[in-house]
């Protein structure tokens, strides 16, 4: 096993799901859990450690920020929950304050680590962390629409009765209500689903719009049943961590500053990026049709309007 160390800040549902996925795949030889609630972090570390005989020797321990110094990748799932009567802007400002503290500690103790942001709203908080941290922005990556894209491919695979891994399609833009399905680039076996009959099925707008609606409301549908989402995003985080640690240079729809792609900047949202050991190696901006570009512009504006009203600095 490669001698990698991964830190996870926040041991709520998502942080624990990520830790479990990383542990079970033996992606690192050491996992360090950091949480305001030290006892919870200790309990989660102990629980995972008891699975070593079934998985392999992966050290899991609770720690403080200083214990993250050896980590190549640090996952941030920490954040505050919305209080009754609290506005979304107030919640964003409180989470920005949490991220301000985290950024200071990580710049002090782990300045070279790649940061993976998973706290929602992930696009807003990825941008906030890029502004607060002194590390290059390419080393601050949001999970973005990786989960939405996974849901999209899963449902398309089910629709066309093929392995979802054989479906090449993206959800781009915001990880949220304004996200954009890139139908014009969706392909199976090199064939555009918009322009070819695949498994005797033609592209029809109404069922495809209904399929995308299931993608967009997936989190709500899950939360209404179990109270939270965690397992799939845990797998997403582990996958992204693996791509970074193994320098796979995989193409993933992660949240970054588009720096002019699709005419957008000064915001973070998802575009396909080549990701490796140094973080985001470079962005890709696949061609989109006029409606999709308009959707991406609207998505960026939704995010930008929130950022403009926030208090990011100290």
C-alpha atoms as a PDB file:
ATOM      1  CA  UNK A   1       0.000   0.000   0.000  1.00  0.00           C
ATOM      2  CA  UNK A   2       1.247   3.485  -0.881  1.00  0.00           C
ATOM      3  CA  UNK A   3       2.165   5.594   2.130  1.00  0.00           C
ATOM      4  CA  UNK A   4      -0.459   8.286   1.728  1.00  0.00           C
ATOM      5  CA  UNK A   5      -2.217  10.200   4.500  1.00  0.00           C
ATOM      6  CA  UNK A   6      -5.672  11.704   4.129  1.00  0.00           C
ATOM      7  CA  UNK A   7      -7.332  14.122   6.538  1.00  0.00           C
ATOM      8  CA  UNK A   8     -11.071  14.580   6.974  1.00  0.00           C
ATOM      9  CA  UNK A   9     -12.395  17.659   8.747  1.00  0.00           C
ATOM     10  CA  UNK A  10     -15.903  17.022  10.012  1.00  0.00           C
ATOM     11  CA  UNK A  11     -17.189  13.639  11.188  1.00  0.00           C
ATOM     12  CA  UNK A  12     -20.855  14.059  10.426  1.00  0.00           C
ATOM     13  CA  UNK A  13     -22.732  11.743   8.076  1.00  0.00           C
ATOM     14  CA  UNK A  14     -20.746  12.753   4.974  1.00  0.00           C
ATOM     15  CA  UNK A  15     -17.337  12.805   6.630  1.00  0.00           C
ATOM     16  CA  UNK A  16     -17.847   9.338   8.086  1.00  0.00           C
ATOM     17  CA  UNK A  17     -19.122   7.954   4.767  1.00  0.00           C
ATOM     18  CA  UNK A  18     -16.026   9.348   3.055  1.00  0.00           C
ATOM     19  CA  UNK A  19     -13.742   7.919   5.738  1.00  0.00           C
ATOM     20  CA  UNK A  20     -15.389   4.520   5.402  1.00  0.00           C
ATOM     21  CA  UNK A  21     -15.055   4.496   1.596  1.00  0.00           C
ATOM     22  CA  UNK A  22     -11.394   5.555   1.756  1.00  0.00           C
ATOM     23  CA  UNK A  23     -10.720   2.995   4.497  1.00  0.00           C
ATOM     24  CA  UNK A  24     -12.492   0.148   2.737  1.00  0.00           C
ATOM     25  CA  UNK A  25     -10.539   0.794  -0.501  1.00  0.00           C
ATOM     26  CA  UNK A  26      -7.241   1.197   1.358  1.00  0.00           C
ATOM     27  CA  UNK A  27      -6.525   4.418  -0.536  1.00  0.00           C
ATOM     28  CA  UNK A  28      -4.283   5.677   2.268  1.00  0.00           C
ATOM     29  CA  UNK A  29      -2.176   4.135   4.974  1.00  0.00           C
ATOM     30  CA  UNK A  30      -3.395   6.765   7.445  1.00  0.00           C
ATOM     31  CA  UNK A  31      -6.683   8.626   7.893  1.00  0.00           C
ATOM     32  CA  UNK A  32      -6.851  11.505  10.372  1.00  0.00           C
ATOM     33  CA  UNK A  33     -10.272  12.651  11.583  1.00  0.00           C
ATOM     34  CA  UNK A  34     -10.672  16.192  12.924  1.00  0.00           C
ATOM     35  CA  UNK A  35     -13.847  17.494  14.491  1.00  0.00           C
ATOM     36  CA  UNK A  36     -14.903  20.111  17.025  1.00  0.00           C
ATOM     37  CA  UNK A  37     -16.387  17.182  18.914  1.00  0.00           C
ATOM     38  CA  UNK A  38     -13.168  15.333  19.722  1.00  0.00           C
ATOM     39  CA  UNK A  39     -14.974  12.414  21.331  1.00  0.00           C
ATOM     40  CA  UNK A  40     -17.059  11.809  18.235  1.00  0.00           C
ATOM     41  CA  UNK A  41     -13.937  11.792  16.068  1.00  0.00           C
ATOM     42  CA  UNK A  42     -12.316   9.342  18.472  1.00  0.00           C
ATOM     43  CA  UNK A  43     -15.362   7.081  18.412  1.00  0.00           C
ATOM     44  CA  UNK A  44     -15.518   7.022  14.624  1.00  0.00           C
ATOM     45  CA  UNK A  45     -11.782   6.286  14.408  1.00  0.00           C
ATOM     46  CA  UNK A  46     -12.103   3.420  16.890  1.00  0.00           C
ATOM     47  CA  UNK A  47     -15.067   1.985  15.012  1.00  0.00           C
ATOM     48  CA  UNK A  48     -13.177   1.916  11.711  1.00  0.00           C
ATOM     49  CA  UNK A  49     -10.008   0.532  13.275  1.00  0.00           C
ATOM     50  CA  UNK A  50     -11.929  -2.515  14.477  1.00  0.00           C
ATOM     51  CA  UNK A  51     -12.442  -3.430  10.810  1.00  0.00           C
ATOM     52  CA  UNK A  52      -8.732  -3.744  10.054  1.00  0.00           C
ATOM     53  CA  UNK A  53      -8.695  -7.569  10.114  1.00  0.00           C
ATOM     54  CA  UNK A  54     -11.339  -7.490   7.359  1.00  0.00           C
ATOM     55  CA  UNK A  55      -9.793  -4.745   5.239  1.00  0.00           C
ATOM     56  CA  UNK A  56      -6.095  -4.405   5.929  1.00  0.00           C
ATOM     57  CA  UNK A  57      -3.809  -2.241   7.972  1.00  0.00           C
ATOM     58  CA  UNK A  58      -5.066   1.301   7.621  1.00  0.00           C
ATOM     59  CA  UNK A  59      -4.421   3.532  10.602  1.00  0.00           C
ATOM     60  CA  UNK A  60      -7.394   5.713  11.545  1.00  0.00           C
ATOM     61  CA  UNK A  61      -7.079   8.191  14.372  1.00  0.00           C
ATOM     62  CA  UNK A  62      -8.640  11.338  15.715  1.00  0.00           C
ATOM     63  CA  UNK A  63      -6.409  14.379  15.711  1.00  0.00           C
ATOM     64  CA  UNK A  64      -6.053  18.126  15.682  1.00  0.00           C
ATOM     65  CA  UNK A  65      -5.139  20.443  12.829  1.00  0.00           C
ATOM     66  CA  UNK A  66      -1.431  19.990  13.540  1.00  0.00           C
ATOM     67  CA  UNK A  67      -1.850  16.249  12.910  1.00  0.00           C
ATOM     68  CA  UNK A  68      -2.782  16.970   9.284  1.00  0.00           C
ATOM     69  CA  UNK A  69       0.764  18.084   8.412  1.00  0.00           C
ATOM     70  CA  UNK A  70       1.575  14.797   6.630  1.00  0.00           C
ATOM     71  CA  UNK A  71      -1.637  14.653   4.603  1.00  0.00           C
ATOM     72  CA  UNK A  72      -1.490  14.877   0.835  1.00  0.00           C
ATOM     73  CA  UNK A  73      -5.259  15.427   0.617  1.00  0.00           C
ATOM     74  CA  UNK A  74      -7.604  16.973   3.174  1.00  0.00           C
ATOM     75  CA  UNK A  75     -11.357  16.609   2.758  1.00  0.00           C
ATOM     76  CA  UNK A  76     -13.562  19.300   4.284  1.00  0.00           C
ATOM     77  CA  UNK A  77     -17.103  18.274   5.175  1.00  0.00           C
ATOM     78  CA  UNK A  78     -17.457  20.554   8.210  1.00  0.00           C
ATOM     79  CA  UNK A  79     -20.105  23.230   8.372  1.00  0.00           C
ATOM     80  CA  UNK A  80     -22.953  24.594  10.445  1.00  0.00           C
ATOM     81  CA  UNK A  81     -26.611  23.676  10.053  1.00  0.00           C
ATOM     82  CA  UNK A  82     -29.348  26.164   9.308  1.00  0.00           C
ATOM     83  CA  UNK A  83     -31.194  27.327  12.404  1.00  0.00           C
ATOM     84  CA  UNK A  84     -34.968  27.912  12.582  1.00  0.00           C
ATOM     85  CA  UNK A  85     -35.751  31.302  11.076  1.00  0.00           C
ATOM     86  CA  UNK A  86     -32.213  31.782   9.777  1.00  0.00           C
ATOM     87  CA  UNK A  87     -31.834  33.146   6.254  1.00  0.00           C
ATOM     88  CA  UNK A  88     -29.713  31.398   3.642  1.00  0.00           C
ATOM     89  CA  UNK A  89     -27.379  34.407   3.608  1.00  0.00           C
ATOM     90  CA  UNK A  90     -26.892  34.242   7.383  1.00  0.00           C
ATOM     91  CA  UNK A  91     -26.108  30.539   7.056  1.00  0.00           C
ATOM     92  CA  UNK A  92     -23.602  31.227   4.284  1.00  0.00           C
ATOM     93  CA  UNK A  93     -21.879  33.889   6.372  1.00  0.00           C
ATOM     94  CA  UNK A  94     -21.639  31.543   9.362  1.00  0.00           C
ATOM     95  CA  UNK A  95     -20.145  28.836   7.166  1.00  0.00           C
ATOM     96  CA  UNK A  96     -17.719  31.384   5.718  1.00  0.00           C
ATOM     97  CA  UNK A  97     -16.590  32.093   9.282  1.00  0.00           C
ATOM     98  CA  UNK A  98     -16.046  28.360   9.860  1.00  0.00           C
ATOM     99  CA  UNK A  99     -14.026  28.156   6.650  1.00  0.00           C
ATOM    100  CA  UNK A 100     -11.987  31.198   7.679  1.00  0.00           C
ATOM    101  CA  UNK A 101     -10.820  29.329  10.778  1.00  0.00           C
ATOM    102  CA  UNK A 102     -10.150  26.144   8.798  1.00  0.00           C
ATOM    103  CA  UNK A 103      -8.173  28.022   6.134  1.00  0.00           C
ATOM    104  CA  UNK A 104      -5.935  29.654   8.738  1.00  0.00           C
ATOM    105  CA  UNK A 105      -5.211  26.339  10.434  1.00  0.00           C
ATOM    106  CA  UNK A 106      -4.557  24.468   7.196  1.00  0.00           C
ATOM    107  CA  UNK A 107      -2.311  27.197   5.799  1.00  0.00           C
ATOM    108  CA  UNK A 108      -0.324  26.955   9.016  1.00  0.00           C
ATOM    109  CA  UNK A 109      -0.117  23.185   9.368  1.00  0.00           C
ATOM    110  CA  UNK A 110      -0.675  21.694   5.886  1.00  0.00           C
ATOM    111  CA  UNK A 111       0.117  24.375   3.298  1.00  0.00           C
ATOM    112  CA  UNK A 112       0.905  21.916   0.512  1.00  0.00           C
ATOM    113  CA  UNK A 113      -2.126  19.631   0.825  1.00  0.00           C
ATOM    114  CA  UNK A 114      -4.831  19.533  -1.811  1.00  0.00           C
ATOM    115  CA  UNK A 115      -8.167  20.524  -0.313  1.00  0.00           C
ATOM    116  CA  UNK A 116     -11.348  18.734  -1.382  1.00  0.00           C
ATOM    117  CA  UNK A 117     -14.425  20.747  -0.460  1.00  0.00           C
ATOM    118  CA  UNK A 118     -17.640  18.786   0.080  1.00  0.00           C
ATOM    119  CA  UNK A 119     -19.595  21.068   2.442  1.00  0.00           C
ATOM    120  CA  UNK A 120     -22.728  22.521   0.855  1.00  0.00           C
ATOM    121  CA  UNK A 121     -23.332  24.848  -0.842  1.00  0.00           C
ATOM    122  CA  UNK A 122     -20.171  23.385  -2.338  1.00  0.00           C
ATOM    123  CA  UNK A 123     -19.653  25.899  -5.163  1.00  0.00           C
ATOM    124  CA  UNK A 124     -19.975  28.889  -2.860  1.00  0.00           C
ATOM    125  CA  UNK A 125     -17.692  27.405  -0.217  1.00  0.00           C
ATOM    126  CA  UNK A 126     -15.098  26.257  -2.754  1.00  0.00           C
ATOM    127  CA  UNK A 127     -14.844  29.854  -3.940  1.00  0.00           C
ATOM    128  CA  UNK A 128     -14.686  31.063  -0.333  1.00  0.00           C
ATOM    129  CA  UNK A 129     -11.832  28.663   0.462  1.00  0.00           C
ATOM    130  CA  UNK A 130      -9.957  29.692  -2.677  1.00  0.00           C
ATOM    131  CA  UNK A 131     -10.155  33.300  -1.487  1.00  0.00           C
ATOM    132  CA  UNK A 132      -9.185  32.538   2.108  1.00  0.00           C
ATOM    133  CA  UNK A 133      -6.349  30.036   1.590  1.00  0.00           C
ATOM    134  CA  UNK A 134      -2.883  31.041   0.433  1.00  0.00           C
ATOM    135  CA  UNK A 135      -2.412  27.845  -1.601  1.00  0.00           C
ATOM    136  CA  UNK A 136      -2.861  27.953  -5.388  1.00  0.00           C
ATOM    137  CA  UNK A 137      -6.503  27.772  -6.421  1.00  0.00           C
ATOM    138  CA  UNK A 138      -5.780  24.624  -8.470  1.00  0.00           C
ATOM    139  CA  UNK A 139      -5.231  22.874  -5.112  1.00  0.00           C
ATOM    140  CA  UNK A 140      -8.716  23.747  -3.801  1.00  0.00           C
ATOM    141  CA  UNK A 141     -11.290  21.558  -5.529  1.00  0.00           C
ATOM    142  CA  UNK A 142     -15.017  21.234  -4.906  1.00  0.00           C
ATOM    143  CA  UNK A 143     -16.812  17.933  -5.463  1.00  0.00           C
ATOM    144  CA  UNK A 144     -19.205  19.985  -7.569  1.00  0.00           C
ATOM    145  CA  UNK A 145     -21.495  18.001  -9.842  1.00  0.00           C
ATOM    146  CA  UNK A 146     -19.617  14.710  -9.580  1.00  0.00           C
ATOM    147  CA  UNK A 147     -22.559  13.252  -7.649  1.00  0.00           C
ATOM    148  CA  UNK A 148     -25.152  14.782  -9.987  1.00  0.00           C
ATOM    149  CA  UNK A 149     -23.238  13.384 -12.959  1.00  0.00           C
ATOM    150  CA  UNK A 150     -23.105   9.965 -11.323  1.00  0.00           C
ATOM    151  CA  UNK A 151     -26.868  10.071 -10.763  1.00  0.00           C
ATOM    152  CA  UNK A 152     -27.353  11.220 -14.375  1.00  0.00           C
ATOM    153  CA  UNK A 153     -25.260   8.403 -15.810  1.00  0.00           C
ATOM    154  CA  UNK A 154     -26.914   5.871 -13.546  1.00  0.00           C
ATOM    155  CA  UNK A 155     -30.406   6.814 -14.725  1.00  0.00           C
ATOM    156  CA  UNK A 156     -29.333   6.985 -18.380  1.00  0.00           C
ATOM    157  CA  UNK A 157     -27.733   3.557 -18.053  1.00  0.00           C
ATOM    158  CA  UNK A 158     -30.971   2.207 -16.625  1.00  0.00           C
ATOM    159  CA  UNK A 159     -32.991   3.881 -19.396  1.00  0.00           C
ATOM    160  CA  UNK A 160     -30.853   2.472 -22.211  1.00  0.00           C
ATOM    161  CA  UNK A 161     -30.094  -0.800 -20.394  1.00  0.00           C
ATOM    162  CA  UNK A 162     -26.313  -0.415 -20.504  1.00  0.00           C
ATOM    163  CA  UNK A 163     -23.621  -0.260 -17.821  1.00  0.00           C
ATOM    164  CA  UNK A 164     -23.587   3.311 -16.458  1.00  0.00           C
ATOM    165  CA  UNK A 165     -19.793   3.250 -16.848  1.00  0.00           C
ATOM    166  CA  UNK A 166     -20.396   3.142 -20.615  1.00  0.00           C
ATOM    167  CA  UNK A 167     -22.454   6.343 -20.465  1.00  0.00           C
ATOM    168  CA  UNK A 168     -20.519   9.561 -21.071  1.00  0.00           C
ATOM    169  CA  UNK A 169     -22.620  12.519 -19.982  1.00  0.00           C
ATOM    170  CA  UNK A 170     -22.210  15.502 -17.679  1.00  0.00           C
ATOM    171  CA  UNK A 171     -24.197  17.721 -15.391  1.00  0.00           C
ATOM    172  CA  UNK A 172     -22.338  21.053 -15.261  1.00  0.00           C
ATOM    173  CA  UNK A 173     -22.760  24.390 -13.490  1.00  0.00           C
ATOM    174  CA  UNK A 174     -24.059  24.666  -9.942  1.00  0.00           C
ATOM    175  CA  UNK A 175     -24.454  21.670  -7.676  1.00  0.00           C
ATOM    176  CA  UNK A 176     -28.020  22.730  -7.075  1.00  0.00           C
ATOM    177  CA  UNK A 177     -31.261  23.787  -8.730  1.00  0.00           C
ATOM    178  CA  UNK A 178     -29.617  25.658 -11.617  1.00  0.00           C
ATOM    179  CA  UNK A 179     -27.430  22.730 -12.717  1.00  0.00           C
ATOM    180  CA  UNK A 180     -27.349  22.037 -16.459  1.00  0.00           C
ATOM    181  CA  UNK A 181     -27.569  18.645 -18.227  1.00  0.00           C
ATOM    182  CA  UNK A 182     -25.315  18.635 -21.287  1.00  0.00           C
ATOM    183  CA  UNK A 183     -27.530  16.627 -23.601  1.00  0.00           C
ATOM    184  CA  UNK A 184     -25.597  17.696 -26.682  1.00  0.00           C
ATOM    185  CA  UNK A 185     -22.500  15.857 -25.442  1.00  0.00           C
ATOM    186  CA  UNK A 186     -24.190  12.781 -23.945  1.00  0.00           C
ATOM    187  CA  UNK A 187     -22.901   9.623 -25.620  1.00  0.00           C
ATOM    188  CA  UNK A 188     -23.051   5.850 -25.364  1.00  0.00           C
ATOM    189  CA  UNK A 189     -20.484   3.842 -27.291  1.00  0.00           C
ATOM    190  CA  UNK A 190     -19.430   6.921 -29.220  1.00  0.00           C
ATOM    191  CA  UNK A 191     -23.003   7.611 -30.361  1.00  0.00           C
ATOM    192  CA  UNK A 192     -24.833  10.792 -29.433  1.00  0.00           C
ATOM    193  CA  UNK A 193     -28.017   9.903 -27.600  1.00  0.00           C
ATOM    194  CA  UNK A 194     -29.672  12.955 -29.186  1.00  0.00           C
ATOM    195  CA  UNK A 195     -28.966  11.877 -32.757  1.00  0.00           C
ATOM    196  CA  UNK A 196     -28.902   8.081 -32.769  1.00  0.00           C
ATOM    197  CA  UNK A 197     -31.229   5.209 -31.960  1.00  0.00           C
ATOM    198  CA  UNK A 198     -29.658   3.235 -29.108  1.00  0.00           C
ATOM    199  CA  UNK A 199     -31.177  -0.069 -28.034  1.00  0.00           C
ATOM    200  CA  UNK A 200     -34.239   0.806 -30.155  1.00  0.00           C
ATOM    201  CA  UNK A 201     -34.714   4.044 -28.211  1.00  0.00           C
ATOM    202  CA  UNK A 202     -34.781   7.510 -29.738  1.00  0.00           C
ATOM    203  CA  UNK A 203     -34.095  10.679 -27.780  1.00  0.00           C
ATOM    204  CA  UNK A 204     -37.424  12.160 -26.764  1.00  0.00           C
ATOM    205  CA  UNK A 205     -37.533  15.426 -24.868  1.00  0.00           C
ATOM    206  CA  UNK A 206     -40.362  14.665 -22.421  1.00  0.00           C
ATOM    207  CA  UNK A 207     -38.946  11.439 -20.905  1.00  0.00           C
ATOM    208  CA  UNK A 208     -35.431  12.880 -20.882  1.00  0.00           C
ATOM    209  CA  UNK A 209     -36.650  16.006 -19.072  1.00  0.00           C
ATOM    210  CA  UNK A 210     -38.383  13.743 -16.545  1.00  0.00           C
ATOM    211  CA  UNK A 211     -35.169  11.765 -16.110  1.00  0.00           C
ATOM    212  CA  UNK A 212     -33.202  14.954 -15.450  1.00  0.00           C
ATOM    213  CA  UNK A 213     -35.841  16.106 -12.972  1.00  0.00           C
ATOM    214  CA  UNK A 214     -35.165  12.910 -10.998  1.00  0.00           C
ATOM    215  CA  UNK A 215     -31.481  13.855 -10.964  1.00  0.00           C
ATOM    216  CA  UNK A 216     -32.176  17.400  -9.796  1.00  0.00           C
ATOM    217  CA  UNK A 217     -34.537  16.342  -6.986  1.00  0.00           C
ATOM    218  CA  UNK A 218     -32.564  13.255  -5.919  1.00  0.00           C
ATOM    219  CA  UNK A 219     -31.147  14.816  -2.754  1.00  0.00           C
ATOM    220  CA  UNK A 220     -34.587  16.058  -1.665  1.00  0.00           C
ATOM    221  CA  UNK A 221     -36.131  12.674  -2.400  1.00  0.00           C
ATOM    222  CA  UNK A 222     -33.492  10.883  -0.319  1.00  0.00           C
ATOM    223  CA  UNK A 223     -33.590  13.394   2.542  1.00  0.00           C
ATOM    224  CA  UNK A 224     -37.385  13.139   2.724  1.00  0.00           C
ATOM    225  CA  UNK A 225     -36.960   9.414   3.341  1.00  0.00           C
ATOM    226  CA  UNK A 226     -33.819   9.002   5.473  1.00  0.00           C
ATOM    227  CA  UNK A 227     -33.101  12.517   6.701  1.00  0.00           C
ATOM    228  CA  UNK A 228     -29.783  13.107   4.949  1.00  0.00           C
ATOM    229  CA  UNK A 229     -27.597  11.967   2.042  1.00  0.00           C
ATOM    230  CA  UNK A 230     -24.172  10.480   2.672  1.00  0.00           C
ATOM    231  CA  UNK A 231     -23.241   7.172   1.054  1.00  0.00           C
ATOM    232  CA  UNK A 232     -23.066   8.223  -2.603  1.00  0.00           C
ATOM    233  CA  UNK A 233     -21.223  11.467  -1.819  1.00  0.00           C
ATOM    234  CA  UNK A 234     -18.857   9.418   0.356  1.00  0.00           C
ATOM    235  CA  UNK A 235     -18.075   7.290  -2.705  1.00  0.00           C
ATOM    236  CA  UNK A 236     -17.624  10.437  -4.808  1.00  0.00           C
ATOM    237  CA  UNK A 237     -15.126  11.851  -2.311  1.00  0.00           C
ATOM    238  CA  UNK A 238     -13.188   8.592  -2.179  1.00  0.00           C
ATOM    239  CA  UNK A 239     -13.075   8.433  -5.977  1.00  0.00           C
ATOM    240  CA  UNK A 240     -11.774  11.989  -6.214  1.00  0.00           C
ATOM    241  CA  UNK A 241      -9.181  11.316  -3.495  1.00  0.00           C
ATOM    242  CA  UNK A 242      -8.003   8.237  -5.395  1.00  0.00           C
ATOM    243  CA  UNK A 243      -7.674  10.164  -8.669  1.00  0.00           C
ATOM    244  CA  UNK A 244      -5.494  12.729  -6.875  1.00  0.00           C
ATOM    245  CA  UNK A 245      -3.328  10.308  -4.880  1.00  0.00           C
ATOM    246  CA  UNK A 246      -2.701   8.019  -7.862  1.00  0.00           C
ATOM    247  CA  UNK A 247      -2.136  10.938 -10.244  1.00  0.00           C
ATOM    248  CA  UNK A 248      -4.687   9.434 -12.604  1.00  0.00           C
ATOM    249  CA  UNK A 249      -5.284  12.671 -14.533  1.00  0.00           C
ATOM    250  CA  UNK A 250      -8.941  11.742 -14.739  1.00  0.00           C
ATOM    251  CA  UNK A 251     -11.517  14.036 -16.314  1.00  0.00           C
ATOM    252  CA  UNK A 252     -14.053  14.959 -13.636  1.00  0.00           C
ATOM    253  CA  UNK A 253     -16.802  17.616 -13.343  1.00  0.00           C
ATOM    254  CA  UNK A 254     -15.420  19.405 -10.288  1.00  0.00           C
ATOM    255  CA  UNK A 255     -16.095  22.870  -8.947  1.00  0.00           C
ATOM    256  CA  UNK A 256     -13.425  25.381  -9.959  1.00  0.00           C
ATOM    257  CA  UNK A 257     -13.153  28.968 -11.121  1.00  0.00           C
ATOM    258  CA  UNK A 258     -13.890  28.717 -14.870  1.00  0.00           C
ATOM    259  CA  UNK A 259     -11.582  31.690 -15.522  1.00  0.00           C
ATOM    260  CA  UNK A 260     -13.393  32.707 -18.683  1.00  0.00           C
ATOM    261  CA  UNK A 261     -14.792  29.370 -19.860  1.00  0.00           C
ATOM    262  CA  UNK A 262     -18.337  29.911 -21.120  1.00  0.00           C
ATOM    263  CA  UNK A 263     -17.730  33.617 -20.467  1.00  0.00           C
ATOM    264  CA  UNK A 264     -17.667  33.141 -16.685  1.00  0.00           C
ATOM    265  CA  UNK A 265     -15.196  34.086 -13.962  1.00  0.00           C
ATOM    266  CA  UNK A 266     -15.138  35.216 -10.303  1.00  0.00           C
ATOM    267  CA  UNK A 267     -17.284  32.259  -9.273  1.00  0.00           C
ATOM    268  CA  UNK A 268     -16.863  28.507  -8.878  1.00  0.00           C
ATOM    269  CA  UNK A 269     -18.974  25.930 -10.636  1.00  0.00           C
ATOM    270  CA  UNK A 270     -18.442  22.585 -12.319  1.00  0.00           C
ATOM    271  CA  UNK A 271     -16.686  22.146 -15.628  1.00  0.00           C
ATOM    272  CA  UNK A 272     -14.795  19.026 -16.731  1.00  0.00           C
ATOM    273  CA  UNK A 273     -11.213  19.184 -15.453  1.00  0.00           C
ATOM    274  CA  UNK A 274      -8.143  16.983 -15.682  1.00  0.00           C
ATOM    275  CA  UNK A 275      -7.325  16.141 -12.056  1.00  0.00           C
ATOM    276  CA  UNK A 276      -4.086  14.633 -10.785  1.00  0.00           C
ATOM    277  CA  UNK A 277      -1.429  14.807  -8.106  1.00  0.00           C
ATOM    278  CA  UNK A 278      -1.120  18.600  -8.360  1.00  0.00           C
ATOM    279  CA  UNK A 279      -4.856  19.210  -8.188  1.00  0.00           C
ATOM    280  CA  UNK A 280      -6.567  20.623 -11.265  1.00  0.00           C
ATOM    281  CA  UNK A 281      -4.087  20.241 -14.113  1.00  0.00           C
ATOM    282  CA  UNK A 282      -6.277  22.098 -16.598  1.00  0.00           C
ATOM    283  CA  UNK A 283      -9.907  22.720 -17.437  1.00  0.00           C
ATOM    284  CA  UNK A 284     -11.807  21.390 -20.425  1.00  0.00           C
ATOM    285  CA  UNK A 285     -14.698  23.333 -21.893  1.00  0.00           C
ATOM    286  CA  UNK A 286     -16.668  20.990 -24.145  1.00  0.00           C
ATOM    287  CA  UNK A 287     -18.838  22.552 -26.802  1.00  0.00           C
ATOM    288  CA  UNK A 288     -22.402  23.129 -25.686  1.00  0.00           C
ATOM    289  CA  UNK A 289     -25.445  24.284 -27.589  1.00  0.00           C
ATOM    290  CA  UNK A 290     -27.013  27.722 -27.178  1.00  0.00           C
ATOM    291  CA  UNK A 291     -29.587  26.606 -24.597  1.00  0.00           C
ATOM    292  CA  UNK A 292     -26.945  24.845 -22.498  1.00  0.00           C
ATOM    293  CA  UNK A 293     -24.631  27.859 -22.597  1.00  0.00           C
ATOM    294  CA  UNK A 294     -27.525  30.057 -21.521  1.00  0.00           C
ATOM    295  CA  UNK A 295     -28.176  27.638 -18.670  1.00  0.00           C
ATOM    296  CA  UNK A 296     -24.538  27.814 -17.556  1.00  0.00           C
ATOM    297  CA  UNK A 297     -24.633  31.610 -17.648  1.00  0.00           C
ATOM    298  CA  UNK A 298     -27.774  31.605 -15.489  1.00  0.00           C
ATOM    299  CA  UNK A 299     -26.206  29.078 -13.105  1.00  0.00           C
ATOM    300  CA  UNK A 300     -23.129  31.253 -12.679  1.00  0.00           C
ATOM    301  CA  UNK A 301     -25.292  34.292 -11.995  1.00  0.00           C
ATOM    302  CA  UNK A 302     -27.223  32.460  -9.267  1.00  0.00           C
ATOM    303  CA  UNK A 303     -23.944  31.674  -7.527  1.00  0.00           C
ATOM    304  CA  UNK A 304     -22.426  35.095  -8.132  1.00  0.00           C
ATOM    305  CA  UNK A 305     -25.421  36.886  -6.632  1.00  0.00           C
ATOM    306  CA  UNK A 306     -24.979  34.919  -3.403  1.00  0.00           C
ATOM    307  CA  UNK A 307     -21.246  35.622  -3.297  1.00  0.00           C
ATOM    308  CA  UNK A 308     -21.763  39.341  -3.805  1.00  0.00           C
ATOM    309  CA  UNK A 309     -23.947  39.515  -0.695  1.00  0.00           C
ATOM    310  CA  UNK A 310     -21.644  37.475   1.510  1.00  0.00           C
ATOM    311  CA  UNK A 311     -18.975  38.546   3.968  1.00  0.00           C
ATOM    312  CA  UNK A 312     -15.952  36.411   3.073  1.00  0.00           C
ATOM    313  CA  UNK A 313     -13.003  38.221   4.627  1.00  0.00           C
ATOM    314  CA  UNK A 314     -12.296  38.576   8.332  1.00  0.00           C
END
